[in-house]
């Protein structure tokens, strides 16, 4: 029986070809971050007989998904819940209901963020149009020097421009 376990371990080790430092560099992160994801149950790299973490291409793909969700500001709690929903469930029915609920909440969050990003794009475009009107202006960019400027009367077109414009006006 031991020989079969050794063969399985060897096959698994051959499949897991990347050490933690290599994976961290490849994914532009830190080994500590990878260990944290492991501690949270989001992935389980193979361990050699000496305890070295070895990652497979599947592990790297899983990490890329985790990183993508994190970049989208999905809370780590949500990422973790998605990662462990199936293995922590007693049945496929329980798992599918958990995963469905999590995915539905994630979709709602992403839709809300999309609307926020679209609004931000509109605010940026409006601010850029106002800023363009100042190209070539020789005046000092202060409220006092710009009070008669046509741009001064338009700053309410963009909430973002209200941040950029001189505070003395407010």
Protein backbone atom coordinates (compact mmCIF):
# COMPACT_ATOMS: atom_id res chain seq x y z
CA UNK A 1 0.00 0.00 0.00
CA UNK A 2 2.83 2.41 0.81
CA UNK A 3 4.24 2.04 -2.73
CA UNK A 4 0.92 3.19 -4.24
CA UNK A 5 0.87 6.26 -1.93
CA UNK A 6 4.43 7.07 -2.98
CA UNK A 7 3.43 6.85 -6.63
CA UNK A 8 0.45 9.17 -6.01
CA UNK A 9 2.65 11.63 -4.12
CA UNK A 10 5.25 11.56 -6.91
CA UNK A 11 2.59 12.11 -9.58
CA UNK A 12 1.12 14.99 -7.56
CA UNK A 13 4.56 16.50 -6.97
CA UNK A 14 5.34 16.32 -10.71
CA UNK A 15 2.06 18.11 -11.43
CA UNK A 16 2.90 20.78 -8.83
CA UNK A 17 6.02 22.33 -10.24
CA UNK A 18 6.10 25.84 -8.80
CA UNK A 19 7.47 26.96 -5.43
CA UNK A 20 5.82 29.74 -3.45
CA UNK A 21 8.39 32.38 -4.41
CA UNK A 22 8.01 31.58 -8.10
CA UNK A 23 4.24 31.82 -7.89
CA UNK A 24 4.37 35.05 -5.91
CA UNK A 25 6.67 36.61 -8.49
CA UNK A 26 4.57 35.34 -11.40
CA UNK A 27 1.41 36.79 -9.87
CA UNK A 28 3.08 39.99 -8.66
CA UNK A 29 2.23 39.33 -5.03
CA UNK A 30 4.03 38.12 -1.92
CA UNK A 31 4.56 34.68 -0.44
CA UNK A 32 2.82 35.96 2.71
CA UNK A 33 -0.30 36.72 0.67
CA UNK A 34 -0.28 33.21 -0.77
CA UNK A 35 0.10 31.73 2.72
CA UNK A 36 -2.78 33.93 3.92
CA UNK A 37 -5.04 32.60 1.13
CA UNK A 38 -4.05 29.09 2.18
CA UNK A 39 -4.78 29.86 5.85
CA UNK A 40 -8.22 31.12 4.81
CA UNK A 41 -8.92 27.83 3.02
CA UNK A 42 -9.02 29.38 -0.45
CA UNK A 43 -6.43 26.96 -1.83
CA UNK A 44 -4.42 23.96 -0.73
CA UNK A 45 -1.08 23.61 -2.46
CA UNK A 46 0.69 20.27 -2.45
CA UNK A 47 3.27 19.83 0.31
CA UNK A 48 6.50 17.95 -0.34
CA UNK A 49 7.85 15.50 2.24
CA UNK A 50 9.91 18.39 3.64
CA UNK A 51 6.86 20.70 3.79
CA UNK A 52 7.67 22.84 0.76
CA UNK A 53 4.54 24.29 -0.86
CA UNK A 54 4.29 23.30 -4.51
CA UNK A 55 1.69 24.89 -6.76
CA UNK A 56 0.09 23.46 -9.89
CA UNK A 57 -1.20 25.34 -12.91
CA UNK A 58 -4.70 24.81 -11.46
CA UNK A 59 -3.59 26.45 -8.19
CA UNK A 60 -2.22 29.39 -10.15
CA UNK A 61 -5.47 29.72 -12.11
CA UNK A 62 -7.38 29.70 -8.80
CA UNK A 63 -5.06 32.39 -7.41
CA UNK A 64 -5.57 34.51 -10.53
CA UNK A 65 -9.33 34.37 -9.97
CA UNK A 66 -8.87 35.34 -6.31
CA UNK A 67 -6.65 38.26 -7.33
CA UNK A 68 -9.15 39.37 -9.97
CA UNK A 69 -11.98 39.45 -7.44
CA UNK A 70 -9.80 41.28 -4.91
CA UNK A 71 -8.88 43.90 -7.57
CA UNK A 72 -12.62 44.40 -8.10
CA UNK A 73 -12.85 45.16 -4.37
CA UNK A 74 -14.83 42.02 -3.62
CA UNK A 75 -14.44 41.56 0.13
CA UNK A 76 -12.05 38.74 1.07
CA UNK A 77 -14.84 37.31 3.22
CA UNK A 78 -16.95 36.87 0.07
CA UNK A 79 -14.06 35.35 -1.90
CA UNK A 80 -13.42 32.93 0.97
CA UNK A 81 -17.11 32.00 1.19
CA UNK A 82 -17.13 31.21 -2.53
CA UNK A 83 -13.94 29.16 -2.24
CA UNK A 84 -15.18 27.00 0.63
CA UNK A 85 -18.92 26.78 -0.04
CA UNK A 86 -18.74 23.41 -1.82
CA UNK A 87 -16.24 21.59 0.38
CA UNK A 88 -17.97 22.85 3.54
CA UNK A 89 -21.38 21.59 2.40
CA UNK A 90 -22.97 18.26 3.28
CA UNK A 91 -24.67 17.78 -0.09
CA UNK A 92 -24.67 19.04 -3.62
CA UNK A 93 -28.06 20.64 -3.01
CA UNK A 94 -26.78 22.57 0.00
CA UNK A 95 -23.63 23.59 -1.89
CA UNK A 96 -25.51 24.71 -4.99
CA UNK A 97 -27.92 26.84 -2.95
CA UNK A 98 -25.04 28.44 -1.02
CA UNK A 99 -23.05 29.13 -4.18
CA UNK A 100 -26.11 30.46 -6.01
CA UNK A 101 -26.88 32.88 -3.16
CA UNK A 102 -23.25 34.05 -3.02
CA UNK A 103 -23.06 34.52 -6.79
CA UNK A 104 -26.34 36.43 -6.84
CA UNK A 105 -25.07 38.81 -4.12
CA UNK A 106 -21.78 39.18 -5.99
CA UNK A 107 -23.63 40.00 -9.21
CA UNK A 108 -25.66 42.68 -7.42
CA UNK A 109 -22.48 44.21 -5.94
CA UNK A 110 -20.75 44.21 -9.33
CA UNK A 111 -23.79 45.82 -10.99
CA UNK A 112 -23.77 48.57 -8.33
CA UNK A 113 -20.03 49.13 -8.84
CA UNK A 114 -20.58 49.26 -12.59
CA UNK A 115 -23.15 52.04 -12.14
CA UNK A 116 -20.73 53.89 -9.85
CA UNK A 117 -17.96 53.55 -12.45
CA UNK A 118 -20.24 54.79 -15.22
CA UNK A 119 -21.13 57.82 -13.09
CA UNK A 120 -17.43 58.43 -12.39
CA UNK A 121 -16.70 58.26 -16.14
CA UNK A 122 -19.36 60.90 -16.80
CA UNK A 123 -17.93 63.13 -14.05
CA UNK A 124 -14.41 62.72 -15.45
CA UNK A 125 -15.56 63.54 -18.99
CA UNK A 126 -17.39 66.66 -17.82
CA UNK A 127 -14.35 67.78 -15.78
CA UNK A 128 -12.05 67.18 -18.76
CA UNK A 129 -14.27 69.34 -20.99
CA UNK A 130 -14.06 72.15 -18.44
CA UNK A 131 -10.30 71.79 -18.01
CA UNK A 132 -9.80 71.92 -21.78
CA UNK A 133 -11.37 75.37 -21.79
CA UNK A 134 -8.46 76.52 -19.61
CA UNK A 135 -5.80 75.45 -22.14
CA UNK A 136 -3.72 78.49 -23.03
CA UNK A 137 -4.99 80.60 -20.11
CA UNK A 138 -2.29 82.91 -18.74
CA UNK A 139 -4.07 83.81 -15.49
CA UNK A 140 -3.09 82.37 -12.11
CA UNK A 141 -5.51 79.46 -11.37
CA UNK A 142 -7.23 80.97 -8.33
CA UNK A 143 -10.85 81.84 -7.66
CA UNK A 144 -10.02 85.55 -7.58
CA UNK A 145 -8.22 85.53 -10.94
CA UNK A 146 -10.80 83.28 -12.59
CA UNK A 147 -14.02 84.79 -11.21
CA UNK A 148 -14.99 86.29 -14.60
CA UNK A 149 -14.02 83.15 -16.56
CA UNK A 150 -16.79 81.22 -18.35
CA UNK A 151 -15.51 78.02 -16.71
CA UNK A 152 -16.24 79.41 -13.24
CA UNK A 153 -19.95 79.48 -14.06
CA UNK A 154 -19.92 75.85 -15.19
CA UNK A 155 -18.20 74.09 -12.30
CA UNK A 156 -21.50 72.55 -11.14
CA UNK A 157 -21.49 70.43 -14.33
CA UNK A 158 -19.07 68.06 -12.61
CA UNK A 159 -18.83 67.10 -8.94
CA UNK A 160 -15.25 66.10 -9.69
CA UNK A 161 -14.45 69.58 -10.99
CA UNK A 162 -15.67 70.98 -7.67
CA UNK A 163 -12.76 69.11 -6.10
CA UNK A 164 -10.31 70.49 -8.66
CA UNK A 165 -11.53 74.10 -8.61
CA UNK A 166 -10.27 76.62 -6.07
CA UNK A 167 -11.79 76.11 -2.60
CA UNK A 168 -12.15 79.85 -2.00
CA UNK A 169 -15.24 79.78 -4.18
CA UNK A 170 -17.01 77.38 -1.85
